[in-house]
Amino acid sequence: MAAFLLNLFLLGLGTFVVSGALGAPAAAAGAGTAFILKNNCPYTVWPGALSGNGAVLLGNDSFELPPNATSSFSGPPGWSGRFWARTSCLFDSSSANGSCATGDCGGALRCSIGGAPPVSLAEFTLGSGDGAKDFYDVSLVDGYNVGIGVRPSGAAVGGSCRYAGCVTDVNARCPAELRVESESGETMACRSACEAFGSPEYCCTGANGSPTTCGPTRYSQLFKAACPAAYSYAYDDATSTFTCAAGAADYLITFCPSAADASTN
């Protein structure tokens, strides 16, 4: 994956606000770049976040995002991190420990490690300084559990500062050898070929550890066909990396985005 994404987790995160309203609450003036998470899924999700200082406080120890709810917070210049959806979570009210069917981060409500694959990711590196850029992407390199989209807003929108994401339900077209099924037999996530088979050609490791020796496979092409604006394998940079002028855009991150979300710039 691009070097800026491999060098994540530099700084801490700002204040988090949860709202049930469809409109996104605004971040405080001067607080940095605003991130707004919206749950467009027909079920509750528990957003996971990982940033430079490890654990990130989400929703005063009981964060969850019901259908149609939004949350808003800010990140300072230079911040890097990732967001994902956790599904079917059960947490103990006294210990804040529990588990999630997908995207679990070690059984903790506050994530200090990444979400367990397979998991769809939204990844960011915010620029700092004059002429700097924000870099962002949606990645299926660790597999897929929930559709996710990133939409920048503000005067910077245009060119490479545009929508990135995965609208298609990849679980519905996941090959049998990659499926993660619930007890009822429903496909709840789709593994990457790297996770499923562990071989260098799929993981871009060893002799296949460079852009010239690790290319798309039939499995990554399946992800790419479903979600053209998302990373499908580690070196899928050309069509999967997006940039905005640093400080010029805020970002709406939607879980289970619709086709309309992707078509409106």
C-alpha atoms as a PDB file:
ATOM      1  CA  MET A   1       0.000   0.000   0.000  1.00  0.00           C
ATOM      2  CA  ALA A   2       1.111   3.593  -0.400  1.00  0.00           C
ATOM      3  CA  ALA A   3       3.881   4.672   1.965  1.00  0.00           C
ATOM      4  CA  PHE A   4       1.741   7.317   3.633  1.00  0.00           C
ATOM      5  CA  LEU A   5      -0.756   4.639   4.642  1.00  0.00           C
ATOM      6  CA  LEU A   6       1.915   2.292   5.943  1.00  0.00           C
ATOM      7  CA  ASN A   7       3.201   5.126   8.157  1.00  0.00           C
ATOM      8  CA  LEU A   8      -0.054   5.776  10.030  1.00  0.00           C
ATOM      9  CA  PHE A   9      -0.849   6.658  13.618  1.00  0.00           C
ATOM     10  CA  LEU A  10       1.023   9.865  14.357  1.00  0.00           C
ATOM     11  CA  LEU A  11      -1.176  11.958  16.648  1.00  0.00           C
ATOM     12  CA  GLY A  12      -4.209  11.779  18.938  1.00  0.00           C
ATOM     13  CA  LEU A  13      -7.851  12.467  18.113  1.00  0.00           C
ATOM     14  CA  GLY A  14     -10.163  15.286  19.146  1.00  0.00           C
ATOM     15  CA  THR A  15     -13.618  15.525  20.698  1.00  0.00           C
ATOM     16  CA  PHE A  16     -16.364  13.081  19.746  1.00  0.00           C
ATOM     17  CA  VAL A  17     -20.071  14.058  19.619  1.00  0.00           C
ATOM     18  CA  VAL A  18     -22.949  11.669  18.914  1.00  0.00           C
ATOM     19  CA  SER A  19     -26.262  12.702  17.383  1.00  0.00           C
ATOM     20  CA  GLY A  20     -29.360  10.884  16.233  1.00  0.00           C
ATOM     21  CA  ALA A  21     -30.163  13.619  13.747  1.00  0.00           C
ATOM     22  CA  LEU A  22     -29.743  13.033  10.051  1.00  0.00           C
ATOM     23  CA  GLY A  23     -27.833  16.292   9.690  1.00  0.00           C
ATOM     24  CA  ALA A  24     -24.181  16.158  10.776  1.00  0.00           C
ATOM     25  CA  PRO A  25     -23.289  18.245  13.822  1.00  0.00           C
ATOM     26  CA  ALA A  26     -20.569  20.771  13.135  1.00  0.00           C
ATOM     27  CA  ALA A  27     -17.123  20.494  14.665  1.00  0.00           C
ATOM     28  CA  ALA A  28     -16.004  23.303  16.920  1.00  0.00           C
ATOM     29  CA  ALA A  29     -14.504  26.305  15.170  1.00  0.00           C
ATOM     30  CA  GLY A  30     -10.738  26.022  14.873  1.00  0.00           C
ATOM     31  CA  ALA A  31     -10.776  22.427  16.088  1.00  0.00           C
ATOM     32  CA  GLY A  32      -9.163  21.046  12.920  1.00  0.00           C
ATOM     33  CA  THR A  33     -10.566  18.842  10.175  1.00  0.00           C
ATOM     34  CA  ALA A  34     -14.093  17.620  10.867  1.00  0.00           C
ATOM     35  CA  PHE A  35     -14.928  13.934  10.515  1.00  0.00           C
ATOM     36  CA  ILE A  36     -18.609  12.973  10.456  1.00  0.00           C
ATOM     37  CA  LEU A  37     -19.577   9.301  10.738  1.00  0.00           C
ATOM     38  CA  LYS A  38     -23.025   8.346   9.485  1.00  0.00           C
ATOM     39  CA  ASN A  39     -24.687   4.942   9.806  1.00  0.00           C
ATOM     40  CA  ASN A  40     -26.754   4.241   6.711  1.00  0.00           C
ATOM     41  CA  CYS A  41     -26.996   0.516   7.559  1.00  0.00           C
ATOM     42  CA  PRO A  42     -30.344  -0.963   8.673  1.00  0.00           C
ATOM     43  CA  TYR A  43     -28.646  -2.156  11.881  1.00  0.00           C
ATOM     44  CA  THR A  44     -26.507  -0.643  14.635  1.00  0.00           C
ATOM     45  CA  VAL A  45     -22.748  -0.447  14.138  1.00  0.00           C
ATOM     46  CA  TRP A  46     -20.008   0.294  16.668  1.00  0.00           C
ATOM     47  CA  PRO A  47     -17.395   2.425  14.867  1.00  0.00           C
ATOM     48  CA  GLY A  48     -13.810   1.492  15.541  1.00  0.00           C
ATOM     49  CA  ALA A  49     -11.015   4.048  15.347  1.00  0.00           C
ATOM     50  CA  LEU A  50      -7.268   3.759  15.668  1.00  0.00           C
ATOM     51  CA  SER A  51      -4.952   6.748  15.804  1.00  0.00           C
ATOM     52  CA  GLY A  52      -1.468   7.715  16.873  1.00  0.00           C
ATOM     53  CA  ASN A  53      -1.912   7.445  20.618  1.00  0.00           C
ATOM     54  CA  GLY A  54      -3.646   4.055  20.520  1.00  0.00           C
ATOM     55  CA  ALA A  55      -6.907   4.087  22.470  1.00  0.00           C
ATOM     56  CA  VAL A  56      -9.514   6.598  21.311  1.00  0.00           C
ATOM     57  CA  LEU A  57     -12.461   7.565  23.509  1.00  0.00           C
ATOM     58  CA  LEU A  58     -15.693   6.852  21.648  1.00  0.00           C
ATOM     59  CA  GLY A  59     -19.045   8.035  22.955  1.00  0.00           C
ATOM     60  CA  ASN A  60     -18.295   8.274  26.681  1.00  0.00           C
ATOM     61  CA  ASP A  61     -17.573   4.554  27.087  1.00  0.00           C
ATOM     62  CA  SER A  62     -20.841   3.379  25.463  1.00  0.00           C
ATOM     63  CA  PHE A  63     -20.467   4.432  21.852  1.00  0.00           C
ATOM     64  CA  GLU A  64     -22.745   2.860  19.310  1.00  0.00           C
ATOM     65  CA  LEU A  65     -24.280   4.258  16.147  1.00  0.00           C
ATOM     66  CA  PRO A  66     -27.907   3.243  15.466  1.00  0.00           C
ATOM     67  CA  PRO A  67     -29.395   3.428  11.959  1.00  0.00           C
ATOM     68  CA  ASN A  68     -29.506   6.993  10.572  1.00  0.00           C
ATOM     69  CA  ALA A  69     -27.423   8.385  13.460  1.00  0.00           C
ATOM     70  CA  THR A  70     -24.318  10.510  12.985  1.00  0.00           C
ATOM     71  CA  SER A  71     -21.289  11.406  15.066  1.00  0.00           C
ATOM     72  CA  SER A  72     -18.866  14.280  14.674  1.00  0.00           C
ATOM     73  CA  PHE A  73     -15.330  14.962  15.876  1.00  0.00           C
ATOM     74  CA  SER A  74     -12.155  16.639  14.724  1.00  0.00           C
ATOM     75  CA  GLY A  75      -8.570  15.723  13.969  1.00  0.00           C
ATOM     76  CA  PRO A  76      -5.599  18.127  14.124  1.00  0.00           C
ATOM     77  CA  PRO A  77      -3.194  18.775  11.235  1.00  0.00           C
ATOM     78  CA  GLY A  78      -0.799  15.854  10.808  1.00  0.00           C
ATOM     79  CA  TRP A  79      -3.219  13.299  12.243  1.00  0.00           C
ATOM     80  CA  SER A  80      -3.279   9.817  10.707  1.00  0.00           C
ATOM     81  CA  GLY A  81      -5.642   6.964  11.428  1.00  0.00           C
ATOM     82  CA  ARG A  82      -8.327   4.604  10.292  1.00  0.00           C
ATOM     83  CA  PHE A  83     -12.025   3.961  10.909  1.00  0.00           C
ATOM     84  CA  TRP A  84     -14.186   0.892  10.464  1.00  0.00           C
ATOM     85  CA  ALA A  85     -17.564  -0.566  11.454  1.00  0.00           C
ATOM     86  CA  ARG A  86     -17.925  -3.262  14.084  1.00  0.00           C
ATOM     87  CA  THR A  87     -21.090  -5.344  13.850  1.00  0.00           C
ATOM     88  CA  SER A  88     -23.211  -7.459  16.218  1.00  0.00           C
ATOM     89  CA  CYS A  89     -21.340  -6.285  19.313  1.00  0.00           C
ATOM     90  CA  LEU A  90     -22.074  -7.179  22.926  1.00  0.00           C
ATOM     91  CA  PHE A  91     -20.266  -5.200  25.652  1.00  0.00           C
ATOM     92  CA  ASP A  92     -20.440  -5.562  29.417  1.00  0.00           C
ATOM     93  CA  SER A  93     -21.733  -2.314  30.919  1.00  0.00           C
ATOM     94  CA  SER A  94     -19.368  -2.479  33.903  1.00  0.00           C
ATOM     95  CA  SER A  95     -16.110  -3.505  32.230  1.00  0.00           C
ATOM     96  CA  ALA A  96     -16.583  -2.120  28.683  1.00  0.00           C
ATOM     97  CA  ASN A  97     -15.305  -5.463  27.426  1.00  0.00           C
ATOM     98  CA  GLY A  98     -17.100  -7.761  25.019  1.00  0.00           C
ATOM     99  CA  SER A  99     -16.962  -8.931  21.435  1.00  0.00           C
ATOM    100  CA  CYS A 100     -18.142  -8.108  17.949  1.00  0.00           C
ATOM    101  CA  ALA A 101     -18.979 -10.524  15.140  1.00  0.00           C
ATOM    102  CA  THR A 102     -16.869  -8.477  12.676  1.00  0.00           C
ATOM    103  CA  GLY A 103     -14.257  -5.757  13.144  1.00  0.00           C
ATOM    104  CA  ASP A 104     -13.550  -6.697  16.771  1.00  0.00           C
ATOM    105  CA  CYS A 105     -10.531  -4.966  18.344  1.00  0.00           C
ATOM    106  CA  GLY A 106      -9.452  -7.377  21.043  1.00  0.00           C
ATOM    107  CA  GLY A 107     -12.784  -7.390  22.834  1.00  0.00           C
ATOM    108  CA  ALA A 108     -12.439  -3.751  23.932  1.00  0.00           C
ATOM    109  CA  LEU A 109     -14.949  -0.946  23.511  1.00  0.00           C
ATOM    110  CA  ARG A 110     -12.094   1.515  23.007  1.00  0.00           C
ATOM    111  CA  CYS A 111      -9.821   0.214  20.264  1.00  0.00           C
ATOM    112  CA  SER A 112      -6.081   0.263  20.915  1.00  0.00           C
ATOM    113  CA  ILE A 113      -5.451  -2.239  18.109  1.00  0.00           C
ATOM    114  CA  GLY A 114      -6.889  -2.528  14.609  1.00  0.00           C
ATOM    115  CA  GLY A 115     -10.080  -4.322  13.699  1.00  0.00           C
ATOM    116  CA  ALA A 116      -9.744  -8.063  13.147  1.00  0.00           C
ATOM    117  CA  PRO A 117      -9.940  -8.963   9.443  1.00  0.00           C
ATOM    118  CA  PRO A 118     -12.001  -9.170   7.415  1.00  0.00           C
ATOM    119  CA  VAL A 119     -12.855  -5.504   7.803  1.00  0.00           C
ATOM    120  CA  SER A 120     -13.443  -2.556   5.446  1.00  0.00           C
ATOM    121  CA  LEU A 121     -11.329   0.501   6.314  1.00  0.00           C
ATOM    122  CA  ALA A 122     -11.376   4.254   5.758  1.00  0.00           C
ATOM    123  CA  GLU A 123      -7.798   5.547   6.109  1.00  0.00           C
ATOM    124  CA  PHE A 124      -6.555   9.128   6.456  1.00  0.00           C
ATOM    125  CA  THR A 125      -3.353  11.107   6.717  1.00  0.00           C
ATOM    126  CA  LEU A 126      -4.045  14.820   7.239  1.00  0.00           C
ATOM    127  CA  GLY A 127      -1.536  17.268   5.833  1.00  0.00           C
ATOM    128  CA  SER A 128       0.248  19.889   7.909  1.00  0.00           C
ATOM    129  CA  GLY A 129       1.735  23.105   6.598  1.00  0.00           C
ATOM    130  CA  ASP A 130       1.454  25.297   3.514  1.00  0.00           C
ATOM    131  CA  GLY A 131       0.907  23.361   0.301  1.00  0.00           C
ATOM    132  CA  ALA A 132       0.350  20.061   2.119  1.00  0.00           C
ATOM    133  CA  LYS A 133      -2.340  17.561   1.211  1.00  0.00           C
ATOM    134  CA  ASP A 134      -4.731  15.232   2.981  1.00  0.00           C
ATOM    135  CA  PHE A 135      -4.481  11.654   1.724  1.00  0.00           C
ATOM    136  CA  TYR A 136      -7.389   9.238   2.139  1.00  0.00           C
ATOM    137  CA  ASP A 137      -8.727   5.973   0.804  1.00  0.00           C
ATOM    138  CA  VAL A 138     -11.148   3.126   1.387  1.00  0.00           C
ATOM    139  CA  SER A 139      -9.336  -0.198   1.647  1.00  0.00           C
ATOM    140  CA  LEU A 140     -10.495  -3.786   1.167  1.00  0.00           C
ATOM    141  CA  VAL A 141      -6.934  -5.102   1.558  1.00  0.00           C
ATOM    142  CA  ASP A 142      -8.012  -6.577   4.921  1.00  0.00           C
ATOM    143  CA  GLY A 143     -11.235  -7.910   3.422  1.00  0.00           C
ATOM    144  CA  TYR A 144     -14.788  -6.587   3.641  1.00  0.00           C
ATOM    145  CA  ASN A 145     -17.471  -6.549   6.292  1.00  0.00           C
ATOM    146  CA  VAL A 146     -19.558  -3.402   5.670  1.00  0.00           C
ATOM    147  CA  GLY A 147     -19.744  -0.955   2.776  1.00  0.00           C
ATOM    148  CA  ILE A 148     -18.001   2.331   3.531  1.00  0.00           C
ATOM    149  CA  GLY A 149     -17.630   5.623   1.683  1.00  0.00           C
ATOM    150  CA  VAL A 150     -15.702   8.875   2.191  1.00  0.00           C
ATOM    151  CA  ARG A 151     -17.007  12.173   0.834  1.00  0.00           C
ATOM    152  CA  PRO A 152     -15.005  15.403   1.180  1.00  0.00           C
ATOM    153  CA  SER A 153     -16.856  18.689   1.479  1.00  0.00           C
ATOM    154  CA  GLY A 154     -15.754  22.283   1.059  1.00  0.00           C
ATOM    155  CA  ALA A 155     -14.068  24.473  -1.521  1.00  0.00           C
ATOM    156  CA  ALA A 156     -11.345  21.898  -2.171  1.00  0.00           C
ATOM    157  CA  VAL A 157     -13.678  19.379  -3.814  1.00  0.00           C
ATOM    158  CA  GLY A 158     -12.753  18.574  -7.407  1.00  0.00           C
ATOM    159  CA  GLY A 159     -10.108  16.600  -9.272  1.00  0.00           C
ATOM    160  CA  SER A 160      -8.574  14.040  -6.913  1.00  0.00           C
ATOM    161  CA  CYS A 161     -10.527  15.519  -3.988  1.00  0.00           C
ATOM    162  CA  ARG A 162     -13.674  13.442  -4.473  1.00  0.00           C
ATOM    163  CA  TYR A 163     -15.700  10.475  -3.321  1.00  0.00           C
ATOM    164  CA  ALA A 164     -13.907   7.239  -2.424  1.00  0.00           C
ATOM    165  CA  GLY A 165     -15.656   4.121  -1.302  1.00  0.00           C
ATOM    166  CA  CYS A 166     -17.417   0.829  -1.737  1.00  0.00           C
ATOM    167  CA  VAL A 167     -21.177   0.847  -2.363  1.00  0.00           C
ATOM    168  CA  THR A 168     -21.610  -2.722  -3.632  1.00  0.00           C
ATOM    169  CA  ASP A 169     -22.465  -5.454  -1.112  1.00  0.00           C
ATOM    170  CA  VAL A 170     -19.339  -7.581  -1.534  1.00  0.00           C
ATOM    171  CA  ASN A 171     -20.713 -10.176   0.892  1.00  0.00           C
ATOM    172  CA  ALA A 172     -23.418 -11.009  -1.633  1.00  0.00           C
ATOM    173  CA  ARG A 173     -20.836 -11.938  -4.288  1.00  0.00           C
ATOM    174  CA  CYS A 174     -18.090 -13.346  -2.061  1.00  0.00           C
ATOM    175  CA  PRO A 175     -16.623 -16.689  -3.268  1.00  0.00           C
ATOM    176  CA  ALA A 176     -17.325 -19.638  -0.985  1.00  0.00           C
ATOM    177  CA  GLU A 177     -13.644 -20.029  -0.055  1.00  0.00           C
ATOM    178  CA  LEU A 178     -13.519 -16.450   1.284  1.00  0.00           C
ATOM    179  CA  ARG A 179     -16.826 -16.306   3.155  1.00  0.00           C
ATOM    180  CA  VAL A 180     -17.154 -15.800   6.899  1.00  0.00           C
ATOM    181  CA  GLU A 181     -20.552 -17.100   7.913  1.00  0.00           C
ATOM    182  CA  SER A 182     -22.701 -16.581  10.975  1.00  0.00           C
ATOM    183  CA  GLU A 183     -24.196 -19.488  12.909  1.00  0.00           C
ATOM    184  CA  SER A 184     -27.296 -19.152  10.750  1.00  0.00           C
ATOM    185  CA  GLY A 185     -25.233 -19.530   7.570  1.00  0.00           C
ATOM    186  CA  GLU A 186     -25.453 -15.878   6.511  1.00  0.00           C
ATOM    187  CA  THR A 187     -22.323 -14.360   4.944  1.00  0.00           C
ATOM    188  CA  MET A 188     -21.308 -11.597   7.351  1.00  0.00           C
ATOM    189  CA  ALA A 189     -17.851 -10.821   5.901  1.00  0.00           C
ATOM    190  CA  CYS A 190     -15.571 -11.645   2.975  1.00  0.00           C
ATOM    191  CA  ARG A 191     -11.915 -12.450   3.651  1.00  0.00           C
ATOM    192  CA  SER A 192      -9.043 -11.236   1.537  1.00  0.00           C
ATOM    193  CA  ALA A 193      -7.114 -13.897  -0.355  1.00  0.00           C
ATOM    194  CA  CYS A 194      -4.097 -13.067   1.809  1.00  0.00           C
ATOM    195  CA  GLU A 195      -5.983 -13.894   5.000  1.00  0.00           C
ATOM    196  CA  ALA A 196      -7.590 -16.978   3.471  1.00  0.00           C
ATOM    197  CA  PHE A 197      -4.490 -18.529   1.877  1.00  0.00           C
ATOM    198  CA  GLY A 198      -1.474 -16.682   3.316  1.00  0.00           C
ATOM    199  CA  SER A 199       0.668 -17.003   0.200  1.00  0.00           C
ATOM    200  CA  PRO A 200       3.135 -14.280  -0.924  1.00  0.00           C
ATOM    201  CA  GLU A 201       1.361 -13.695  -4.235  1.00  0.00           C
ATOM    202  CA  TYR A 202      -1.781 -12.632  -2.363  1.00  0.00           C
ATOM    203  CA  CYS A 203      -0.060 -10.928   0.590  1.00  0.00           C
ATOM    204  CA  CYS A 204       2.599  -9.050  -1.439  1.00  0.00           C
ATOM    205  CA  THR A 205       5.359 -10.398   0.801  1.00  0.00           C
ATOM    206  CA  GLY A 206       8.741 -12.036   0.276  1.00  0.00           C
ATOM    207  CA  ALA A 207       9.658 -12.224  -3.391  1.00  0.00           C
ATOM    208  CA  ASN A 208       6.308 -10.588  -4.137  1.00  0.00           C
ATOM    209  CA  GLY A 209       6.938  -7.642  -1.834  1.00  0.00           C
ATOM    210  CA  SER A 210       7.122  -4.807  -4.363  1.00  0.00           C
ATOM    211  CA  PRO A 211       4.799  -3.133  -6.878  1.00  0.00           C
ATOM    212  CA  THR A 212       6.673  -4.768  -9.745  1.00  0.00           C
ATOM    213  CA  THR A 213       6.334  -8.302  -8.355  1.00  0.00           C
ATOM    214  CA  CYS A 214       2.877  -8.125  -6.765  1.00  0.00           C
ATOM    215  CA  GLY A 215      -0.016  -7.400  -9.085  1.00  0.00           C
ATOM    216  CA  PRO A 216      -3.755  -7.989  -9.070  1.00  0.00           C
ATOM    217  CA  THR A 217      -5.084 -11.532  -8.741  1.00  0.00           C
ATOM    218  CA  ARG A 218      -8.466 -12.973  -9.629  1.00  0.00           C
ATOM    219  CA  TYR A 219      -9.575 -12.368  -6.048  1.00  0.00           C
ATOM    220  CA  SER A 220      -8.429  -8.751  -5.880  1.00  0.00           C
ATOM    221  CA  GLN A 221     -10.036  -8.186  -9.283  1.00  0.00           C
ATOM    222  CA  LEU A 222     -13.321  -9.389  -7.813  1.00  0.00           C
ATOM    223  CA  PHE A 223     -13.055  -6.701  -5.103  1.00  0.00           C
ATOM    224  CA  LYS A 224     -12.028  -4.097  -7.692  1.00  0.00           C
ATOM    225  CA  ALA A 225     -14.921  -4.907 -10.001  1.00  0.00           C
ATOM    226  CA  ALA A 226     -17.334  -4.499  -7.082  1.00  0.00           C
ATOM    227  CA  CYS A 227     -15.688  -1.347  -5.698  1.00  0.00           C
ATOM    228  CA  PRO A 228     -13.596   0.497  -8.322  1.00  0.00           C
ATOM    229  CA  ALA A 229     -12.763   3.395  -5.956  1.00  0.00           C
ATOM    230  CA  ALA A 230     -11.321   1.207  -3.176  1.00  0.00           C
ATOM    231  CA  TYR A 231      -7.991  -0.535  -2.623  1.00  0.00           C
ATOM    232  CA  SER A 232      -8.253  -4.157  -3.726  1.00  0.00           C
ATOM    233  CA  TYR A 233      -4.667  -5.232  -2.925  1.00  0.00           C
ATOM    234  CA  ALA A 234      -1.603  -3.657  -1.327  1.00  0.00           C
ATOM    235  CA  TYR A 235      -0.220  -1.851  -4.383  1.00  0.00           C
ATOM    236  CA  ASP A 236      -3.508  -0.730  -5.909  1.00  0.00           C
ATOM    237  CA  ASP A 237      -2.494   2.930  -5.599  1.00  0.00           C
ATOM    238  CA  ALA A 238      -3.216   4.375  -9.037  1.00  0.00           C
ATOM    239  CA  THR A 239      -7.018   4.299  -8.817  1.00  0.00           C
ATOM    240  CA  SER A 240      -7.487   4.151  -5.049  1.00  0.00           C
ATOM    241  CA  THR A 241      -5.642   7.103  -3.469  1.00  0.00           C
ATOM    242  CA  PHE A 242      -7.366  10.473  -3.146  1.00  0.00           C
ATOM    243  CA  THR A 243      -6.099  13.880  -2.013  1.00  0.00           C
ATOM    244  CA  CYS A 244      -7.479  17.237  -0.912  1.00  0.00           C
ATOM    245  CA  ALA A 245      -5.641  20.416   0.039  1.00  0.00           C
ATOM    246  CA  ALA A 246      -4.814  20.221   3.735  1.00  0.00           C
ATOM    247  CA  GLY A 247      -7.357  22.025   5.900  1.00  0.00           C
ATOM    248  CA  ALA A 248      -9.675  22.749   2.977  1.00  0.00           C
ATOM    249  CA  ALA A 249     -12.097  19.819   3.350  1.00  0.00           C
ATOM    250  CA  ASP A 250     -14.105  18.017   5.987  1.00  0.00           C
ATOM    251  CA  TYR A 251     -14.974  14.331   5.559  1.00  0.00           C
ATOM    252  CA  LEU A 252     -18.265  12.434   5.755  1.00  0.00           C
ATOM    253  CA  ILE A 253     -17.680   8.714   6.371  1.00  0.00           C
ATOM    254  CA  THR A 254     -20.798   6.661   5.626  1.00  0.00           C
ATOM    255  CA  PHE A 255     -21.321   3.038   6.601  1.00  0.00           C
ATOM    256  CA  CYS A 256     -23.485   1.194   4.024  1.00  0.00           C
ATOM    257  CA  PRO A 257     -23.462   4.083   1.547  1.00  0.00           C
ATOM    258  CA  SER A 258     -26.061   4.138  -1.232  1.00  0.00           C
ATOM    259  CA  ALA A 259     -25.466   4.541  -4.957  1.00  0.00           C
ATOM    260  CA  ALA A 260     -26.762   8.096  -4.590  1.00  0.00           C
ATOM    261  CA  ASP A 261     -24.044   8.807  -2.025  1.00  0.00           C
ATOM    262  CA  ALA A 262     -21.383   7.787  -4.534  1.00  0.00           C
ATOM    263  CA  SER A 263     -22.853   9.603  -7.538  1.00  0.00           C
ATOM    264  CA  THR A 264     -23.157  13.077  -5.973  1.00  0.00           C
ATOM    265  CA  ASN A 265     -19.979  15.192  -5.858  1.00  0.00           C
END
